[in-house]
PDB file of N, CA and C in Angstrom:
ATOM      1  N   MET A   1      77.935 -37.954  -2.186  1.00  0.00           N
ATOM      2  CA  MET A   1      78.063 -36.600  -1.662  1.00  0.00           C
ATOM      3  C   MET A   1      77.619 -36.599  -0.195  1.00  0.00           C
ATOM      4  N   PRO A   2      78.387 -35.964   0.670  1.00  0.00           N
ATOM      5  CA  PRO A   2      78.027 -35.946   2.095  1.00  0.00           C
ATOM      6  C   PRO A   2      76.780 -35.101   2.345  1.00  0.00           C
ATOM      7  N   LYS A   3      76.098 -35.425   3.425  1.00  0.00           N
ATOM      8  CA  LYS A   3      74.897 -34.678   3.830  1.00  0.00           C
ATOM      9  C   LYS A   3      75.292 -33.264   4.220  1.00  0.00           C
ATOM     10  N   LEU A   4      74.607 -32.280   3.642  1.00  0.00           N
ATOM     11  CA  LEU A   4      74.832 -30.883   3.999  1.00  0.00           C
ATOM     12  C   LEU A   4      73.716 -30.445   4.934  1.00  0.00           C
ATOM     13  N   TYR A   5      74.078 -29.760   5.989  1.00  0.00           N
ATOM     14  CA  TYR A   5      73.108 -29.291   6.973  1.00  0.00           C
ATOM     15  C   TYR A   5      72.852 -27.807   6.774  1.00  0.00           C
ATOM     16  N   THR A   6      71.642 -27.370   7.112  1.00  0.00           N
ATOM     17  CA  THR A   6      71.342 -25.944   7.085  1.00  0.00           C
ATOM     18  C   THR A   6      71.885 -25.320   8.367  1.00  0.00           C
ATOM     19  N   SER A   7      71.989 -24.019   8.369  1.00  0.00           N
ATOM     20  CA  SER A   7      72.460 -23.346   9.585  1.00  0.00           C
ATOM     21  C   SER A   7      71.454 -23.539  10.713  1.00  0.00           C
ATOM     22  N   ARG A   8      70.168 -23.580  10.401  1.00  0.00           N
ATOM     23  CA  ARG A   8      69.137 -23.778  11.429  1.00  0.00           C
ATOM     24  C   ARG A   8      69.296 -25.147  12.091  1.00  0.00           C
ATOM     25  N   GLU A   9      69.510 -26.192  11.281  1.00  0.00           N
ATOM     26  CA  GLU A   9      69.720 -27.538  11.838  1.00  0.00           C
ATOM     27  C   GLU A   9      70.962 -27.570  12.726  1.00  0.00           C
ATOM     28  N   THR A  10      72.013 -26.908  12.264  1.00  0.00           N
ATOM     29  CA  THR A  10      73.275 -26.903  13.002  1.00  0.00           C
ATOM     30  C   THR A  10      73.135 -26.169  14.329  1.00  0.00           C
ATOM     31  N   VAL A  11      72.526 -24.990  14.308  1.00  0.00           N
ATOM     32  CA  VAL A  11      72.331 -24.211  15.536  1.00  0.00           C
ATOM     33  C   VAL A  11      71.458 -24.988  16.520  1.00  0.00           C
ATOM     34  N   ASN A  12      70.371 -25.582  16.031  1.00  0.00           N
ATOM     35  CA  ASN A  12      69.483 -26.343  16.918  1.00  0.00           C
ATOM     36  C   ASN A  12      70.191 -27.551  17.520  1.00  0.00           C
ATOM     37  N   ALA A  13      71.039 -28.205  16.746  1.00  0.00           N
ATOM     38  CA  ALA A  13      71.794 -29.348  17.274  1.00  0.00           C
ATOM     39  C   ALA A  13      72.733 -28.898  18.389  1.00  0.00           C
ATOM     40  N   PHE A  14      73.412 -27.772  18.197  1.00  0.00           N
ATOM     41  CA  PHE A  14      74.308 -27.279  19.247  1.00  0.00           C
ATOM     42  C   PHE A  14      73.516 -26.826  20.473  1.00  0.00           C
ATOM     43  N   ARG A  15      72.327 -26.291  20.279  1.00  0.00           N
ATOM     44  CA  ARG A  15      71.482 -25.932  21.438  1.00  0.00           C
ATOM     45  C   ARG A  15      71.105 -27.180  22.227  1.00  0.00           C
ATOM     46  N   ARG A  16      70.788 -28.264  21.521  1.00  0.00           N
ATOM     47  CA  ARG A  16      70.467 -29.528  22.202  1.00  0.00           C
ATOM     48  C   ARG A  16      71.674 -30.075  22.950  1.00  0.00           C
ATOM     49  N   ALA A  17      72.874 -29.710  22.487  1.00  0.00           N
ATOM     50  CA  ALA A  17      74.112 -30.145  23.146  1.00  0.00           C
ATOM     51  C   ALA A  17      74.518 -29.160  24.248  1.00  0.00           C
ATOM     52  N   ASN A  18      73.594 -28.281  24.643  1.00  0.00           N
ATOM     53  CA  ASN A  18      73.790 -27.294  25.719  1.00  0.00           C
ATOM     54  C   ASN A  18      74.789 -26.195  25.382  1.00  0.00           C
ATOM     55  N   PHE A  19      74.894 -25.840  24.110  1.00  0.00           N
ATOM     56  CA  PHE A  19      75.650 -24.651  23.719  1.00  0.00           C
ATOM     57  C   PHE A  19      74.663 -23.493  23.711  1.00  0.00           C
ATOM     58  N   SER A  20      75.119 -22.280  24.028  1.00  0.00           N
ATOM     59  CA  SER A  20      74.242 -21.117  23.996  1.00  0.00           C
ATOM     60  C   SER A  20      74.833 -20.038  23.105  1.00  0.00           C
ATOM     61  N   GLN A  21      73.930 -19.279  22.513  1.00  0.00           N
ATOM     62  CA  GLN A  21      74.348 -18.170  21.667  1.00  0.00           C
ATOM     63  C   GLN A  21      74.911 -17.071  22.552  1.00  0.00           C
ATOM     64  N   ILE A  22      76.106 -16.586  22.198  1.00  0.00           N
ATOM     65  CA  ILE A  22      76.676 -15.496  22.985  1.00  0.00           C
ATOM     66  C   ILE A  22      76.745 -14.196  22.195  1.00  0.00           C
ATOM     67  N   SER A  23      76.774 -14.281  20.860  1.00  0.00           N
ATOM     68  CA  SER A  23      76.749 -13.057  20.066  1.00  0.00           C
ATOM     69  C   SER A  23      76.472 -13.398  18.609  1.00  0.00           C
ATOM     70  N   GLN A  24      76.175 -12.356  17.853  1.00  0.00           N
ATOM     71  CA  GLN A  24      76.014 -12.494  16.413  1.00  0.00           C
ATOM     72  C   GLN A  24      76.550 -11.236  15.778  1.00  0.00           C
ATOM     73  N   LYS A  25      77.339 -11.419  14.737  1.00  0.00           N
ATOM     74  CA  LYS A  25      77.875 -10.278  14.010  1.00  0.00           C
ATOM     75  C   LYS A  25      77.630 -10.539  12.532  1.00  0.00           C
ATOM     76  N   GLY A  26      76.725  -9.769  11.963  1.00  0.00           N
ATOM     77  CA  GLY A  26      76.368  -9.991  10.566  1.00  0.00           C
ATOM     78  C   GLY A  26      75.715 -11.348  10.398  1.00  0.00           C
ATOM     79  N   SER A  27      76.279 -12.155   9.506  1.00  0.00           N
ATOM     80  CA  SER A  27      75.682 -13.463   9.228  1.00  0.00           C
ATOM     81  C   SER A  27      76.403 -14.594   9.953  1.00  0.00           C
ATOM     82  N   HIS A  28      77.106 -14.288  11.028  1.00  0.00           N
ATOM     83  CA  HIS A  28      77.821 -15.316  11.788  1.00  0.00           C
ATOM     84  C   HIS A  28      77.369 -15.307  13.245  1.00  0.00           C
ATOM     85  N   LEU A  29      77.029 -16.493  13.723  1.00  0.00           N
ATOM     86  CA  LEU A  29      76.533 -16.682  15.080  1.00  0.00           C
ATOM     87  C   LEU A  29      77.625 -17.342  15.916  1.00  0.00           C
ATOM     88  N   LYS A  30      77.858 -16.827  17.107  1.00  0.00           N
ATOM     89  CA  LYS A  30      78.858 -17.403  18.004  1.00  0.00           C
ATOM     90  C   LYS A  30      78.132 -18.120  19.129  1.00  0.00           C
ATOM     91  N   MET A  31      78.506 -19.394  19.332  1.00  0.00           N
ATOM     92  CA  MET A  31      77.905 -20.196  20.398  1.00  0.00           C
ATOM     93  C   MET A  31      79.017 -20.738  21.283  1.00  0.00           C
ATOM     94  N   ARG A  32      78.692 -20.912  22.554  1.00  0.00           N
ATOM     95  CA  ARG A  32      79.689 -21.404  23.511  1.00  0.00           C
ATOM     96  C   ARG A  32      79.045 -22.444  24.410  1.00  0.00           C
ATOM     97  N   GLY A  33      79.828 -23.473  24.723  1.00  0.00           N
ATOM     98  CA  GLY A  33      79.338 -24.519  25.615  1.00  0.00           C
ATOM     99  C   GLY A  33      80.470 -25.451  26.007  1.00  0.00           C
ATOM    100  N   PHE A  34      80.182 -26.315  26.959  1.00  0.00           N
ATOM    101  CA  PHE A  34      81.173 -27.292  27.406  1.00  0.00           C
ATOM    102  C   PHE A  34      80.989 -28.590  26.637  1.00  0.00           C
ATOM    103  N   TRP A  35      82.086 -29.148  26.167  1.00  0.00           N
ATOM    104  CA  TRP A  35      82.076 -30.447  25.519  1.00  0.00           C
ATOM    105  C   TRP A  35      83.312 -31.201  25.969  1.00  0.00           C
ATOM    106  N   ASN A  36      83.109 -32.391  26.492  1.00  0.00           N
ATOM    107  CA  ASN A  36      84.203 -33.211  27.032  1.00  0.00           C
ATOM    108  C   ASN A  36      84.985 -32.456  28.102  1.00  0.00           C
ATOM    109  N   GLY A  37      84.273 -31.678  28.920  1.00  0.00           N
ATOM    110  CA  GLY A  37      84.898 -30.973  30.028  1.00  0.00           C
ATOM    111  C   GLY A  37      85.661 -29.720  29.657  1.00  0.00           C
ATOM    112  N   LYS A  38      85.583 -29.299  28.397  1.00  0.00           N
ATOM    113  CA  LYS A  38      86.299 -28.097  27.954  1.00  0.00           C
ATOM    114  C   LYS A  38      85.303 -27.085  27.405  1.00  0.00           C
ATOM    115  N   LEU A  39      85.563 -25.815  27.677  1.00  0.00           N
ATOM    116  CA  LEU A  39      84.733 -24.746  27.133  1.00  0.00           C
ATOM    117  C   LEU A  39      85.092 -24.572  25.658  1.00  0.00           C
ATOM    118  N   GLN A  40      84.103 -24.719  24.799  1.00  0.00           N
ATOM    119  CA  GLN A  40      84.315 -24.630  23.350  1.00  0.00           C
ATOM    120  C   GLN A  40      83.510 -23.464  22.790  1.00  0.00           C
ATOM    121  N   THR A  41      84.075 -22.778  21.817  1.00  0.00           N
ATOM    122  CA  THR A  41      83.381 -21.704  21.114  1.00  0.00           C
ATOM    123  C   THR A  41      83.321 -22.071  19.640  1.00  0.00           C
ATOM    124  N   VAL A  42      82.140 -21.972  19.051  1.00  0.00           N
ATOM    125  CA  VAL A  42      81.979 -22.265  17.625  1.00  0.00           C
ATOM    126  C   VAL A  42      81.350 -21.069  16.929  1.00  0.00           C
ATOM    127  N   ILE A  43      81.762 -20.854  15.700  1.00  0.00           N
ATOM    128  CA  ILE A  43      81.214 -19.801  14.854  1.00  0.00           C
ATOM    129  C   ILE A  43      80.429 -20.496  13.748  1.00  0.00           C
ATOM    130  N   ILE A  44      79.151 -20.169  13.621  1.00  0.00           N
ATOM    131  CA  ILE A  44      78.289 -20.808  12.628  1.00  0.00           C
ATOM    132  C   ILE A  44      77.796 -19.746  11.651  1.00  0.00           C
ATOM    133  N   PRO A  45      78.098 -19.900  10.350  1.00  0.00           N
ATOM    134  CA  PRO A  45      77.568 -18.949   9.371  1.00  0.00           C
ATOM    135  C   PRO A  45      76.078 -19.203   9.156  1.00  0.00           C
ATOM    136  N   ILE A  46      75.315 -18.145   9.033  1.00  0.00           N
ATOM    137  CA  ILE A  46      73.877 -18.268   8.812  1.00  0.00           C
ATOM    138  C   ILE A  46      73.647 -18.237   7.299  1.00  0.00           C
ATOM    139  N   HIS A  47      73.626 -19.439   6.710  1.00  0.00           N
ATOM    140  CA  HIS A  47      73.418 -19.624   5.276  1.00  0.00           C
ATOM    141  C   HIS A  47      72.380 -20.724   5.103  1.00  0.00           C
ATOM    142  N   LYS A  48      71.844 -20.847   3.882  1.00  0.00           N
ATOM    143  CA  LYS A  48      70.863 -21.913   3.647  1.00  0.00           C
ATOM    144  C   LYS A  48      71.489 -23.272   3.894  1.00  0.00           C
ATOM    145  N   GLN A  49      72.649 -23.520   3.302  1.00  0.00           N
ATOM    146  CA  GLN A  49      73.364 -24.771   3.545  1.00  0.00           C
ATOM    147  C   GLN A  49      74.799 -24.438   3.907  1.00  0.00           C
ATOM    148  N   ILE A  50      75.335 -25.197   4.841  1.00  0.00           N
ATOM    149  CA  ILE A  50      76.715 -24.997   5.260  1.00  0.00           C
ATOM    150  C   ILE A  50      77.587 -25.927   4.429  1.00  0.00           C
ATOM    151  N   ALA A  51      78.599 -25.369   3.782  1.00  0.00           N
ATOM    152  CA  ALA A  51      79.507 -26.166   2.956  1.00  0.00           C
ATOM    153  C   ALA A  51      80.185 -27.237   3.803  1.00  0.00           C
ATOM    154  N   PHE A  52      80.536 -28.356   3.166  1.00  0.00           N
ATOM    155  CA  PHE A  52      81.098 -29.488   3.899  1.00  0.00           C
ATOM    156  C   PHE A  52      82.379 -29.103   4.640  1.00  0.00           C
ATOM    157  N   GLY A  53      83.275 -28.362   4.000  1.00  0.00           N
ATOM    158  CA  GLY A  53      84.523 -27.951   4.650  1.00  0.00           C
ATOM    159  C   GLY A  53      84.268 -27.041   5.843  1.00  0.00           C
ATOM    160  N   THR A  54      83.301 -26.154   5.714  1.00  0.00           N
ATOM    161  CA  THR A  54      82.928 -25.266   6.817  1.00  0.00           C
ATOM    162  C   THR A  54      82.347 -26.074   7.968  1.00  0.00           C
ATOM    163  N   PHE A  55      81.521 -27.062   7.632  1.00  0.00           N
ATOM    164  CA  PHE A  55      80.933 -27.932   8.650  1.00  0.00           C
ATOM    165  C   PHE A  55      82.028 -28.693   9.402  1.00  0.00           C
ATOM    166  N   GLN A  56      83.019 -29.195   8.678  1.00  0.00           N
ATOM    167  CA  GLN A  56      84.137 -29.900   9.310  1.00  0.00           C
ATOM    168  C   GLN A  56      84.877 -28.965  10.272  1.00  0.00           C
ATOM    169  N   SER A  57      85.036 -27.708   9.885  1.00  0.00           N
ATOM    170  CA  SER A  57      85.699 -26.722  10.737  1.00  0.00           C
ATOM    171  C   SER A  57      84.888 -26.454  12.005  1.00  0.00           C
ATOM    172  N   ILE A  58      83.566 -26.378  11.873  1.00  0.00           N
ATOM    173  CA  ILE A  58      82.690 -26.171  13.031  1.00  0.00           C
ATOM    174  C   ILE A  58      82.834 -27.336  14.000  1.00  0.00           C
ATOM    175  N   LEU A  59      82.844 -28.559  13.470  1.00  0.00           N
ATOM    176  CA  LEU A  59      83.015 -29.734  14.330  1.00  0.00           C
ATOM    177  C   LEU A  59      84.371 -29.705  15.023  1.00  0.00           C
ATOM    178  N   SER A  60      85.393 -29.294  14.309  1.00  0.00           N
ATOM    179  CA  SER A  60      86.734 -29.204  14.889  1.00  0.00           C
ATOM    180  C   SER A  60      86.761 -28.185  16.030  1.00  0.00           C
ATOM    181  N   GLN A  61      86.115 -27.038  15.836  1.00  0.00           N
ATOM    182  CA  GLN A  61      86.054 -26.014  16.879  1.00  0.00           C
ATOM    183  C   GLN A  61      85.341 -26.534  18.120  1.00  0.00           C
ATOM    184  N   SER A  62      84.318 -27.368  17.913  1.00  0.00           N
ATOM    185  CA  SER A  62      83.510 -27.841  19.036  1.00  0.00           C
ATOM    186  C   SER A  62      84.132 -29.030  19.752  1.00  0.00           C
ATOM    187  N   GLY A  63      85.018 -29.749  19.085  1.00  0.00           N
ATOM    188  CA  GLY A  63      85.594 -30.955  19.672  1.00  0.00           C
ATOM    189  C   GLY A  63      84.709 -32.178  19.498  1.00  0.00           C
ATOM    190  N   MET A  64      83.615 -32.047  18.757  1.00  0.00           N
ATOM    191  CA  MET A  64      82.682 -33.158  18.529  1.00  0.00           C
ATOM    192  C   MET A  64      83.086 -33.945  17.293  1.00  0.00           C
ATOM    193  N   SER A  65      82.750 -35.216  17.302  1.00  0.00           N
ATOM    194  CA  SER A  65      82.874 -36.010  16.083  1.00  0.00           C
ATOM    195  C   SER A  65      81.557 -35.878  15.316  1.00  0.00           C
ATOM    196  N   LYS A  66      81.579 -36.296  14.057  1.00  0.00           N
ATOM    197  CA  LYS A  66      80.356 -36.204  13.259  1.00  0.00           C
ATOM    198  C   LYS A  66      79.262 -37.089  13.850  1.00  0.00           C
ATOM    199  N   SER A  67      79.619 -38.267  14.326  1.00  0.00           N
ATOM    200  CA  SER A  67      78.606 -39.166  14.899  1.00  0.00           C
ATOM    201  C   SER A  67      78.021 -38.588  16.188  1.00  0.00           C
ATOM    202  N   GLU A  68      78.844 -37.908  16.991  1.00  0.00           N
ATOM    203  CA  GLU A  68      78.329 -37.254  18.203  1.00  0.00           C
ATOM    204  C   GLU A  68      77.367 -36.131  17.821  1.00  0.00           C
ATOM    205  N   PHE A  69      77.744 -35.343  16.806  1.00  0.00           N
ATOM    206  CA  PHE A  69      76.888 -34.250  16.341  1.00  0.00           C
ATOM    207  C   PHE A  69      75.548 -34.786  15.847  1.00  0.00           C
ATOM    208  N   GLU A  70      75.586 -35.883  15.086  1.00  0.00           N
ATOM    209  CA  GLU A  70      74.365 -36.430  14.501  1.00  0.00           C
ATOM    210  C   GLU A  70      73.379 -36.932  15.554  1.00  0.00           C
ATOM    211  N   GLN A  71      73.840 -37.199  16.763  1.00  0.00           N
ATOM    212  CA  GLN A  71      72.926 -37.587  17.839  1.00  0.00           C
ATOM    213  C   GLN A  71      71.994 -36.432  18.221  1.00  0.00           C
ATOM    214  N   PHE A  72      72.433 -35.199  17.955  1.00  0.00           N
ATOM    215  CA  PHE A  72      71.643 -34.022  18.324  1.00  0.00           C
ATOM    216  C   PHE A  72      70.787 -33.502  17.168  1.00  0.00           C
ATOM    217  N   ILE A  73      70.920 -34.095  15.972  1.00  0.00           N
ATOM    218  CA  ILE A  73      70.096 -33.711  14.827  1.00  0.00           C
ATOM    219  C   ILE A  73      68.810 -34.519  14.893  1.00  0.00           C
ATOM    220  N   LYS A  74      67.686 -33.841  15.017  1.00  0.00           N
ATOM    221  CA  LYS A  74      66.388 -34.537  15.009  1.00  0.00           C
ATOM    222  C   LYS A  74      65.304 -33.615  14.573  1.00  0.00           C
TER     223      LYS A  74
END
């Protein structure tokens, strides 16, 4: 089973990658930052654990690979 991340871990990893929170609506947080020279916007649900498919979608929105993301998890 793949590692599931909490929303707190995910948000903190994106903050370390120089993404900033731009808004929140209900239980969804919107963050924006530059990755690979492009402005990327990601929507992160605030849940205890983020489902694997949702996590894959977040990575797709950001343009990051899983290994790049894992460099910011600490």
